[in-house]
Amino acid sequence: MKKIGMVALFLLIGILSAGCGTASQVPEGEQPNEEVSNSEVVSETGDQDIAKEVEQVVKDFGSKLQNVSLMAPEDVLSESMKENYGNYVSEQLIEKWLSDPLNAPGRLTSSPWPDRIEITTVEKLSEDEYQVEGTIIEITSENLTDDGITAKRPITLLVKQYDGKWLIEDVTMGDYVNE
């Protein structure tokens, strides 16, 4: 009889302590984290607003890629990068790309050309730094009517805040993806 009582006591303690785990420790009066973009979880409304700002910087930058011909003469390329990327990219990154244009995002040929960046995730790294994962979508004039995609290339962007303005500080591009 004593053994059954002890087993029951241990079972009861085990059941009660399982409910006290760390799975849902949200301070009283606060809401659980909400989802932003396609996958990143942020905890405060301010973070959500900032993540949307960061996303917009990347989307706007992506819309300018087709305007920068990486095969242009150096002076034309420099002016084009500053004009098209200057509002979205740090000066240091533009200088890096100008010294090695074939490793910069932009237009390599007349067709296909980069149309946009589709964002997959936005991850907060710190108060003034976010990492954005996405895909550069390339199209041709032949597939403009049917929204077809000619090529895809993964891209990771580090977006940092400078004097209240979000700028892309670093970019890593992957190899083209065959579909």
N, C-alpha and C. Protein backbone atom coordinates (compact mmCIF):
# COMPACT_ATOMS: atom_id res chain seq x y z
N MET A 1 0.82 -1.18 0.00
CA MET A 1 0.00 0.00 0.00
C MET A 1 0.86 1.25 0.00
N LYS A 2 1.95 1.21 0.79
CA LYS A 2 2.85 2.36 0.83
C LYS A 2 3.46 2.62 -0.54
N LYS A 3 3.82 1.54 -1.27
CA LYS A 3 4.43 1.69 -2.59
C LYS A 3 3.48 2.37 -3.56
N ILE A 4 2.22 1.99 -3.53
CA ILE A 4 1.24 2.60 -4.44
C ILE A 4 1.08 4.08 -4.11
N GLY A 5 1.05 4.41 -2.87
CA GLY A 5 0.94 5.81 -2.44
C GLY A 5 2.14 6.63 -2.89
N MET A 6 3.34 6.07 -2.79
CA MET A 6 4.56 6.76 -3.21
C MET A 6 4.57 6.95 -4.73
N VAL A 7 4.20 5.93 -5.47
CA VAL A 7 4.16 6.02 -6.94
C VAL A 7 3.16 7.09 -7.35
N ALA A 8 1.99 7.10 -6.73
CA ALA A 8 0.97 8.09 -7.04
C ALA A 8 1.48 9.50 -6.73
N LEU A 9 2.18 9.65 -5.63
CA LEU A 9 2.73 10.94 -5.25
C LEU A 9 3.74 11.43 -6.29
N PHE A 10 4.65 10.54 -6.72
CA PHE A 10 5.64 10.91 -7.72
C PHE A 10 4.98 11.25 -9.06
N LEU A 11 3.96 10.51 -9.43
CA LEU A 11 3.23 10.80 -10.67
C LEU A 11 2.57 12.18 -10.59
N LEU A 12 1.96 12.46 -9.48
CA LEU A 12 1.30 13.75 -9.29
C LEU A 12 2.31 14.89 -9.36
N ILE A 13 3.45 14.73 -8.71
CA ILE A 13 4.51 15.75 -8.76
C ILE A 13 5.00 15.93 -10.18
N GLY A 14 5.19 14.82 -10.91
CA GLY A 14 5.65 14.88 -12.29
C GLY A 14 4.67 15.62 -13.18
N ILE A 15 3.40 15.34 -13.04
CA ILE A 15 2.36 15.99 -13.84
C ILE A 15 2.30 17.48 -13.53
N LEU A 16 2.32 17.82 -12.27
CA LEU A 16 2.25 19.23 -11.88
C LEU A 16 3.49 20.01 -12.34
N SER A 17 4.67 19.41 -12.25
CA SER A 17 5.88 20.12 -12.65
C SER A 17 5.98 20.25 -14.17
N ALA A 18 5.36 19.36 -14.93
CA ALA A 18 5.38 19.45 -16.40
C ALA A 18 4.67 20.72 -16.86
N GLY A 19 3.66 21.13 -16.16
CA GLY A 19 2.93 22.35 -16.50
C GLY A 19 3.70 23.61 -16.19
N CYS A 20 4.80 23.50 -15.49
CA CYS A 20 5.59 24.68 -15.10
C CYS A 20 6.81 24.86 -15.98
N GLY A 21 6.85 24.26 -17.16
CA GLY A 21 8.02 24.33 -18.04
C GLY A 21 8.19 25.71 -18.64
N THR A 22 9.19 25.85 -19.49
CA THR A 22 9.53 27.15 -20.08
C THR A 22 8.89 27.37 -21.43
N ALA A 23 8.02 26.47 -21.87
CA ALA A 23 7.48 26.57 -23.22
C ALA A 23 6.68 27.83 -23.46
N SER A 24 5.97 28.32 -22.48
CA SER A 24 5.13 29.49 -22.75
C SER A 24 5.29 30.54 -21.65
N GLN A 25 6.47 30.93 -21.36
CA GLN A 25 6.69 31.93 -20.32
C GLN A 25 6.62 33.32 -20.92
N VAL A 26 5.39 33.83 -21.02
CA VAL A 26 5.16 35.19 -21.49
C VAL A 26 4.75 35.99 -20.26
N PRO A 27 5.44 37.12 -20.00
CA PRO A 27 5.08 37.90 -18.82
C PRO A 27 3.60 38.28 -18.85
N GLU A 28 3.01 38.34 -17.66
CA GLU A 28 1.60 38.67 -17.54
C GLU A 28 1.31 40.02 -18.19
N GLY A 29 0.23 40.07 -18.94
CA GLY A 29 -0.17 41.32 -19.60
C GLY A 29 0.47 41.52 -20.96
N GLU A 30 1.38 40.64 -21.38
CA GLU A 30 2.02 40.77 -22.70
C GLU A 30 1.48 39.71 -23.63
N GLN A 31 1.52 40.01 -24.93
CA GLN A 31 1.08 39.08 -25.95
C GLN A 31 2.25 38.23 -26.42
N PRO A 32 1.99 37.01 -26.86
CA PRO A 32 3.06 36.20 -27.46
C PRO A 32 3.57 36.89 -28.72
N ASN A 33 4.78 36.53 -29.14
CA ASN A 33 5.38 37.10 -30.34
C ASN A 33 4.48 36.91 -31.55
N GLU A 34 4.49 37.90 -32.46
CA GLU A 34 3.74 37.80 -33.70
C GLU A 34 4.71 37.63 -34.84
N GLU A 35 4.22 37.05 -35.95
CA GLU A 35 5.09 36.77 -37.08
C GLU A 35 5.18 37.98 -38.00
N VAL A 36 6.37 38.22 -38.55
CA VAL A 36 6.63 39.31 -39.47
C VAL A 36 7.22 38.71 -40.73
N SER A 37 6.95 39.33 -41.86
CA SER A 37 7.46 38.85 -43.14
C SER A 37 7.02 37.42 -43.32
N ASN A 38 7.90 36.57 -43.84
CA ASN A 38 7.52 35.19 -44.07
C ASN A 38 7.90 34.27 -42.93
N SER A 39 8.88 34.67 -42.07
CA SER A 39 9.26 33.71 -41.04
C SER A 39 9.81 34.32 -39.76
N GLU A 40 10.26 35.52 -39.76
CA GLU A 40 10.95 36.05 -38.58
C GLU A 40 9.96 36.48 -37.50
N VAL A 41 10.23 36.10 -36.29
CA VAL A 41 9.38 36.45 -35.17
C VAL A 41 10.02 37.63 -34.45
N VAL A 42 9.24 38.67 -34.24
CA VAL A 42 9.69 39.81 -33.45
C VAL A 42 8.70 40.02 -32.34
N SER A 43 9.16 40.64 -31.26
CA SER A 43 8.34 40.66 -30.06
C SER A 43 7.55 41.95 -29.85
N GLU A 44 7.89 43.01 -30.49
CA GLU A 44 7.22 44.26 -30.21
C GLU A 44 6.73 44.90 -31.50
N THR A 45 5.70 45.71 -31.37
CA THR A 45 5.16 46.41 -32.54
C THR A 45 6.22 47.26 -33.20
N GLY A 46 7.08 47.89 -32.42
CA GLY A 46 8.16 48.70 -32.98
C GLY A 46 9.09 47.87 -33.85
N ASP A 47 9.39 46.65 -33.42
CA ASP A 47 10.22 45.75 -34.21
C ASP A 47 9.54 45.40 -35.53
N GLN A 48 8.23 45.20 -35.50
CA GLN A 48 7.49 44.88 -36.72
C GLN A 48 7.57 46.05 -37.70
N ASP A 49 7.41 47.25 -37.19
CA ASP A 49 7.49 48.44 -38.05
C ASP A 49 8.89 48.58 -38.66
N ILE A 50 9.90 48.34 -37.87
CA ILE A 50 11.28 48.44 -38.35
C ILE A 50 11.53 47.35 -39.39
N ALA A 51 11.06 46.13 -39.13
CA ALA A 51 11.24 45.04 -40.09
C ALA A 51 10.59 45.39 -41.43
N LYS A 52 9.45 46.04 -41.39
CA LYS A 52 8.79 46.47 -42.63
C LYS A 52 9.62 47.53 -43.35
N GLU A 53 10.21 48.45 -42.60
CA GLU A 53 11.11 49.46 -43.18
C GLU A 53 12.30 48.79 -43.87
N VAL A 54 12.90 47.84 -43.18
CA VAL A 54 14.05 47.11 -43.72
C VAL A 54 13.65 46.36 -44.99
N GLU A 55 12.49 45.70 -44.96
CA GLU A 55 11.98 45.00 -46.15
C GLU A 55 11.83 45.98 -47.32
N GLN A 56 11.30 47.16 -47.03
CA GLN A 56 11.07 48.13 -48.10
C GLN A 56 12.39 48.60 -48.72
N VAL A 57 13.41 48.78 -47.89
CA VAL A 57 14.74 49.15 -48.41
C VAL A 57 15.22 48.09 -49.39
N VAL A 58 15.07 46.81 -49.01
CA VAL A 58 15.54 45.71 -49.87
C VAL A 58 14.71 45.64 -51.15
N LYS A 59 13.39 45.78 -51.04
CA LYS A 59 12.53 45.74 -52.23
C LYS A 59 12.86 46.89 -53.18
N ASP A 60 13.03 48.09 -52.64
CA ASP A 60 13.36 49.25 -53.47
C ASP A 60 14.71 49.06 -54.15
N PHE A 61 15.68 48.56 -53.39
CA PHE A 61 17.00 48.26 -53.95
C PHE A 61 16.85 47.24 -55.08
N GLY A 62 16.07 46.20 -54.86
CA GLY A 62 15.86 45.16 -55.86
C GLY A 62 15.27 45.70 -57.15
N SER A 63 14.43 46.72 -57.04
CA SER A 63 13.83 47.30 -58.24
C SER A 63 14.82 48.13 -59.05
N LYS A 64 15.96 48.47 -58.46
CA LYS A 64 16.98 49.28 -59.15
C LYS A 64 18.07 48.44 -59.81
N LEU A 65 18.11 47.15 -59.53
CA LEU A 65 19.18 46.30 -60.05
C LEU A 65 19.28 46.33 -61.57
N GLN A 66 18.13 46.37 -62.23
CA GLN A 66 18.13 46.34 -63.70
C GLN A 66 18.71 47.62 -64.31
N ASN A 67 18.80 48.69 -63.53
CA ASN A 67 19.30 49.97 -64.04
C ASN A 67 20.82 50.07 -64.03
N VAL A 68 21.50 49.11 -63.40
CA VAL A 68 22.95 49.19 -63.25
C VAL A 68 23.61 48.11 -64.11
N SER A 69 24.19 48.54 -65.23
CA SER A 69 24.89 47.62 -66.11
C SER A 69 26.31 47.42 -65.59
N LEU A 70 26.59 46.22 -65.14
CA LEU A 70 27.90 45.92 -64.55
C LEU A 70 29.01 45.87 -65.59
N MET A 71 28.66 45.82 -66.87
CA MET A 71 29.64 45.78 -67.95
C MET A 71 29.94 47.18 -68.51
N ALA A 72 29.33 48.21 -67.96
CA ALA A 72 29.54 49.58 -68.44
C ALA A 72 30.95 50.05 -68.11
N PRO A 73 31.44 51.06 -68.83
CA PRO A 73 32.75 51.64 -68.48
C PRO A 73 32.74 52.12 -67.03
N GLU A 74 33.92 52.16 -66.43
CA GLU A 74 34.06 52.45 -65.00
C GLU A 74 33.36 53.75 -64.58
N ASP A 75 33.51 54.82 -65.34
CA ASP A 75 32.90 56.10 -64.96
C ASP A 75 31.38 56.03 -65.03
N VAL A 76 30.85 55.35 -66.04
CA VAL A 76 29.39 55.19 -66.18
C VAL A 76 28.86 54.30 -65.06
N LEU A 77 29.57 53.22 -64.77
CA LEU A 77 29.16 52.31 -63.70
C LEU A 77 29.14 53.03 -62.35
N SER A 78 30.17 53.82 -62.09
CA SER A 78 30.25 54.55 -60.82
C SER A 78 29.06 55.49 -60.66
N GLU A 79 28.77 56.24 -61.69
CA GLU A 79 27.64 57.18 -61.63
C GLU A 79 26.32 56.42 -61.49
N SER A 80 26.19 55.33 -62.22
CA SER A 80 24.96 54.54 -62.18
C SER A 80 24.73 53.91 -60.81
N MET A 81 25.79 53.36 -60.22
CA MET A 81 25.64 52.77 -58.88
C MET A 81 25.27 53.83 -57.85
N LYS A 82 25.94 54.96 -57.90
CA LYS A 82 25.65 56.01 -56.92
C LYS A 82 24.23 56.54 -57.09
N GLU A 83 23.81 56.69 -58.34
CA GLU A 83 22.46 57.21 -58.62
C GLU A 83 21.38 56.21 -58.23
N ASN A 84 21.56 54.94 -58.58
CA ASN A 84 20.53 53.93 -58.35
C ASN A 84 20.60 53.25 -56.99
N TYR A 85 21.80 53.08 -56.46
CA TYR A 85 21.97 52.36 -55.19
C TYR A 85 22.20 53.29 -54.00
N GLY A 86 22.53 54.55 -54.25
CA GLY A 86 22.94 55.47 -53.20
C GLY A 86 21.97 55.63 -52.04
N ASN A 87 20.67 55.52 -52.30
CA ASN A 87 19.68 55.66 -51.22
C ASN A 87 19.49 54.39 -50.41
N TYR A 88 20.10 53.30 -50.86
CA TYR A 88 19.83 52.00 -50.24
C TYR A 88 21.08 51.29 -49.72
N VAL A 89 22.25 51.69 -50.21
CA VAL A 89 23.49 50.97 -49.94
C VAL A 89 24.53 51.92 -49.33
N SER A 90 25.32 51.42 -48.40
CA SER A 90 26.37 52.25 -47.79
C SER A 90 27.42 52.62 -48.83
N GLU A 91 28.06 53.75 -48.63
CA GLU A 91 29.12 54.20 -49.55
C GLU A 91 30.26 53.18 -49.61
N GLN A 92 30.57 52.57 -48.49
CA GLN A 92 31.66 51.58 -48.45
C GLN A 92 31.34 50.38 -49.34
N LEU A 93 30.09 49.95 -49.35
CA LEU A 93 29.72 48.81 -50.17
C LEU A 93 29.74 49.18 -51.65
N ILE A 94 29.31 50.37 -51.98
CA ILE A 94 29.38 50.82 -53.38
C ILE A 94 30.84 50.85 -53.84
N GLU A 95 31.73 51.34 -53.00
CA GLU A 95 33.16 51.37 -53.35
C GLU A 95 33.71 49.95 -53.55
N LYS A 96 33.29 49.03 -52.70
CA LYS A 96 33.72 47.63 -52.82
C LYS A 96 33.26 47.06 -54.16
N TRP A 97 32.01 47.33 -54.52
CA TRP A 97 31.48 46.83 -55.78
C TRP A 97 32.15 47.47 -56.99
N LEU A 98 32.48 48.74 -56.88
CA LEU A 98 33.15 49.41 -57.99
C LEU A 98 34.54 48.82 -58.24
N SER A 99 35.18 48.33 -57.19
CA SER A 99 36.50 47.71 -57.37
C SER A 99 36.39 46.27 -57.88
N ASP A 100 35.19 45.68 -57.80
CA ASP A 100 34.97 44.30 -58.27
C ASP A 100 33.53 44.17 -58.78
N PRO A 101 33.21 44.82 -59.90
CA PRO A 101 31.83 44.88 -60.35
C PRO A 101 31.19 43.53 -60.68
N LEU A 102 31.95 42.55 -61.06
CA LEU A 102 31.35 41.26 -61.40
C LEU A 102 30.81 40.52 -60.18
N ASN A 103 31.17 40.98 -59.00
CA ASN A 103 30.61 40.40 -57.77
C ASN A 103 29.57 41.30 -57.13
N ALA A 104 29.09 42.26 -57.89
CA ALA A 104 28.04 43.16 -57.43
C ALA A 104 26.71 42.72 -58.05
N PRO A 105 25.61 43.01 -57.38
CA PRO A 105 24.32 42.74 -58.02
C PRO A 105 24.04 43.81 -59.07
N GLY A 106 23.40 43.41 -60.13
CA GLY A 106 23.08 44.33 -61.22
C GLY A 106 22.88 43.56 -62.50
N ARG A 107 22.86 44.30 -63.58
CA ARG A 107 22.58 43.71 -64.89
C ARG A 107 23.88 43.32 -65.58
N LEU A 108 24.03 42.03 -65.89
CA LEU A 108 25.23 41.55 -66.58
C LEU A 108 25.06 41.55 -68.09
N THR A 109 23.86 41.27 -68.56
CA THR A 109 23.59 41.20 -70.00
C THR A 109 22.31 41.98 -70.30
N SER A 110 22.03 42.15 -71.58
CA SER A 110 20.80 42.85 -71.93
C SER A 110 19.58 42.00 -71.58
N SER A 111 19.73 40.68 -71.63
CA SER A 111 18.64 39.79 -71.29
C SER A 111 19.22 38.44 -70.86
N PRO A 112 18.79 37.87 -69.79
CA PRO A 112 17.79 38.35 -68.84
C PRO A 112 18.34 39.47 -67.96
N TRP A 113 17.46 40.10 -67.21
CA TRP A 113 17.87 41.15 -66.30
C TRP A 113 17.20 40.94 -64.94
N PRO A 114 17.81 41.46 -63.88
CA PRO A 114 17.20 41.34 -62.55
C PRO A 114 15.97 42.24 -62.44
N ASP A 115 14.87 41.65 -62.05
CA ASP A 115 13.61 42.38 -61.97
C ASP A 115 13.30 42.84 -60.55
N ARG A 116 13.62 41.97 -59.57
CA ARG A 116 13.24 42.27 -58.19
C ARG A 116 13.95 41.31 -57.23
N ILE A 117 13.81 41.61 -55.94
CA ILE A 117 14.25 40.68 -54.89
C ILE A 117 13.01 40.23 -54.15
N GLU A 118 12.78 38.93 -54.14
CA GLU A 118 11.69 38.36 -53.36
C GLU A 118 12.26 37.99 -51.99
N ILE A 119 11.69 38.55 -50.95
CA ILE A 119 12.18 38.35 -49.59
C ILE A 119 11.61 37.06 -48.99
N THR A 120 12.50 36.28 -48.40
CA THR A 120 12.11 35.03 -47.75
C THR A 120 12.01 35.23 -46.24
N THR A 121 13.06 35.83 -45.63
CA THR A 121 13.06 36.05 -44.18
C THR A 121 13.71 37.39 -43.85
N VAL A 122 13.29 37.92 -42.72
CA VAL A 122 13.91 39.11 -42.13
C VAL A 122 14.22 38.75 -40.69
N GLU A 123 15.50 38.82 -40.32
CA GLU A 123 15.92 38.43 -38.98
C GLU A 123 16.59 39.60 -38.28
N LYS A 124 16.10 39.92 -37.10
CA LYS A 124 16.71 40.98 -36.28
C LYS A 124 17.96 40.43 -35.62
N LEU A 125 19.11 41.06 -35.91
CA LEU A 125 20.37 40.64 -35.29
C LEU A 125 20.67 41.47 -34.06
N SER A 126 20.32 42.76 -34.12
CA SER A 126 20.50 43.68 -32.99
C SER A 126 19.55 44.85 -33.21
N GLU A 127 19.60 45.83 -32.33
CA GLU A 127 18.72 46.99 -32.45
C GLU A 127 18.91 47.75 -33.76
N ASP A 128 20.13 47.71 -34.30
CA ASP A 128 20.41 48.49 -35.51
C ASP A 128 20.90 47.62 -36.67
N GLU A 129 20.56 46.32 -36.64
CA GLU A 129 21.06 45.43 -37.69
C GLU A 129 20.08 44.29 -37.95
N TYR A 130 19.77 44.10 -39.24
CA TYR A 130 18.88 43.03 -39.67
C TYR A 130 19.54 42.26 -40.80
N GLN A 131 19.23 40.98 -40.88
CA GLN A 131 19.68 40.16 -42.01
C GLN A 131 18.45 39.76 -42.81
N VAL A 132 18.54 39.97 -44.12
CA VAL A 132 17.42 39.66 -45.01
C VAL A 132 17.87 38.58 -45.99
N GLU A 133 17.10 37.52 -46.07
CA GLU A 133 17.34 36.44 -47.03
C GLU A 133 16.30 36.58 -48.13
N GLY A 134 16.74 36.37 -49.37
CA GLY A 134 15.80 36.46 -50.47
C GLY A 134 16.36 35.86 -51.73
N THR A 135 15.69 36.16 -52.83
CA THR A 135 16.06 35.64 -54.13
C THR A 135 15.96 36.76 -55.16
N ILE A 136 17.04 36.93 -55.95
CA ILE A 136 16.98 37.86 -57.08
C ILE A 136 16.24 37.12 -58.19
N ILE A 137 15.20 37.74 -58.72
CA ILE A 137 14.41 37.17 -59.80
C ILE A 137 14.81 37.85 -61.11
N GLU A 138 15.21 37.05 -62.08
CA GLU A 138 15.59 37.58 -63.40
C GLU A 138 14.55 37.16 -64.43
N ILE A 139 14.26 38.09 -65.35
CA ILE A 139 13.25 37.85 -66.37
C ILE A 139 13.79 38.29 -67.74
N THR A 140 13.04 37.98 -68.78
CA THR A 140 13.33 38.46 -70.14
C THR A 140 12.08 39.12 -70.69
N SER A 141 12.20 39.82 -71.80
CA SER A 141 11.04 40.46 -72.41
C SER A 141 10.05 39.40 -72.90
N GLU A 142 10.52 38.22 -73.21
CA GLU A 142 9.64 37.14 -73.68
C GLU A 142 8.68 36.66 -72.59
N ASN A 143 9.12 36.70 -71.33
CA ASN A 143 8.23 36.20 -70.29
C ASN A 143 7.62 37.31 -69.44
N LEU A 144 7.59 38.52 -69.95
CA LEU A 144 6.93 39.61 -69.23
C LEU A 144 5.41 39.39 -69.17
N THR A 145 4.85 38.85 -70.25
CA THR A 145 3.41 38.70 -70.32
C THR A 145 2.87 37.58 -69.45
N ASP A 146 3.66 36.54 -69.22
CA ASP A 146 3.16 35.41 -68.43
C ASP A 146 3.80 35.32 -67.05
N ASP A 147 4.45 36.39 -66.62
CA ASP A 147 5.11 36.44 -65.30
C ASP A 147 6.10 35.31 -65.09
N GLY A 148 6.67 34.82 -66.16
CA GLY A 148 7.64 33.75 -66.06
C GLY A 148 8.96 34.25 -65.52
N ILE A 149 9.69 33.37 -64.91
CA ILE A 149 10.99 33.69 -64.33
C ILE A 149 12.05 32.94 -65.12
N THR A 150 13.07 33.66 -65.55
CA THR A 150 14.15 33.05 -66.31
C THR A 150 15.22 32.47 -65.40
N ALA A 151 15.56 33.20 -64.34
CA ALA A 151 16.62 32.74 -63.43
C ALA A 151 16.35 33.23 -62.02
N LYS A 152 16.91 32.49 -61.07
CA LYS A 152 16.83 32.86 -59.65
C LYS A 152 18.22 32.76 -59.06
N ARG A 153 18.49 33.69 -58.13
CA ARG A 153 19.79 33.68 -57.46
C ARG A 153 19.58 34.08 -56.00
N PRO A 154 19.99 33.23 -55.07
CA PRO A 154 19.83 33.59 -53.65
C PRO A 154 20.71 34.79 -53.28
N ILE A 155 20.19 35.58 -52.35
CA ILE A 155 20.92 36.76 -51.89
C ILE A 155 20.66 36.94 -50.39
N THR A 156 21.72 37.30 -49.67
CA THR A 156 21.63 37.63 -48.25
C THR A 156 22.13 39.05 -48.09
N LEU A 157 21.34 39.88 -47.43
CA LEU A 157 21.69 41.29 -47.25
C LEU A 157 21.75 41.63 -45.77
N LEU A 158 22.80 42.33 -45.38
CA LEU A 158 22.93 42.84 -44.02
C LEU A 158 22.53 44.31 -44.08
N VAL A 159 21.46 44.65 -43.36
CA VAL A 159 20.94 46.02 -43.38
C VAL A 159 21.18 46.63 -42.01
N LYS A 160 21.80 47.80 -42.02
CA LYS A 160 22.20 48.44 -40.76
C LYS A 160 21.69 49.88 -40.74
N GLN A 161 21.43 50.37 -39.54
CA GLN A 161 20.95 51.74 -39.38
C GLN A 161 22.11 52.70 -39.19
N TYR A 162 22.13 53.75 -40.01
CA TYR A 162 23.12 54.82 -39.93
C TYR A 162 22.39 56.14 -39.76
N ASP A 163 22.59 56.79 -38.63
CA ASP A 163 21.96 58.09 -38.36
C ASP A 163 20.46 58.07 -38.68
N GLY A 164 19.78 57.03 -38.24
CA GLY A 164 18.34 56.94 -38.42
C GLY A 164 17.89 56.42 -39.77
N LYS A 165 18.83 56.09 -40.65
CA LYS A 165 18.48 55.61 -41.99
C LYS A 165 18.99 54.18 -42.17
N TRP A 166 18.15 53.31 -42.72
CA TRP A 166 18.52 51.91 -42.95
C TRP A 166 19.22 51.80 -44.29
N LEU A 167 20.43 51.22 -44.27
CA LEU A 167 21.23 51.02 -45.49
C LEU A 167 21.77 49.60 -45.55
N ILE A 168 21.91 49.10 -46.75
CA ILE A 168 22.49 47.78 -46.95
C ILE A 168 24.00 47.93 -46.78
N GLU A 169 24.56 47.14 -45.86
CA GLU A 169 25.97 47.23 -45.55
C GLU A 169 26.80 46.12 -46.19
N ASP A 170 26.17 44.96 -46.41
CA ASP A 170 26.89 43.86 -47.03
C ASP A 170 25.90 42.98 -47.77
N VAL A 171 26.39 42.33 -48.83
CA VAL A 171 25.57 41.46 -49.66
C VAL A 171 26.38 40.21 -50.00
N THR A 172 25.73 39.07 -49.89
CA THR A 172 26.32 37.81 -50.34
C THR A 172 25.34 37.18 -51.32
N MET A 173 25.84 36.89 -52.52
CA MET A 173 24.98 36.26 -53.53
C MET A 173 25.43 34.82 -53.73
N GLY A 174 24.45 33.95 -53.88
CA GLY A 174 24.73 32.55 -54.15
C GLY A 174 24.78 32.28 -55.64
N ASP A 175 24.95 31.03 -55.98
CA ASP A 175 24.95 30.61 -57.37
C ASP A 175 23.52 30.60 -57.93
N TYR A 176 23.42 30.72 -59.24
CA TYR A 176 22.11 30.65 -59.89
C TYR A 176 21.48 29.29 -59.61
N VAL A 177 20.17 29.30 -59.44
CA VAL A 177 19.42 28.09 -59.14
C VAL A 177 18.74 27.62 -60.41
N ASN A 178 18.96 26.36 -60.77
CA ASN A 178 18.29 25.77 -61.94
C ASN A 178 16.97 25.17 -61.50
N GLU A 179 15.94 25.42 -62.29
CA GLU A 179 14.62 24.84 -61.97
C GLU A 179 14.16 23.97 -63.08
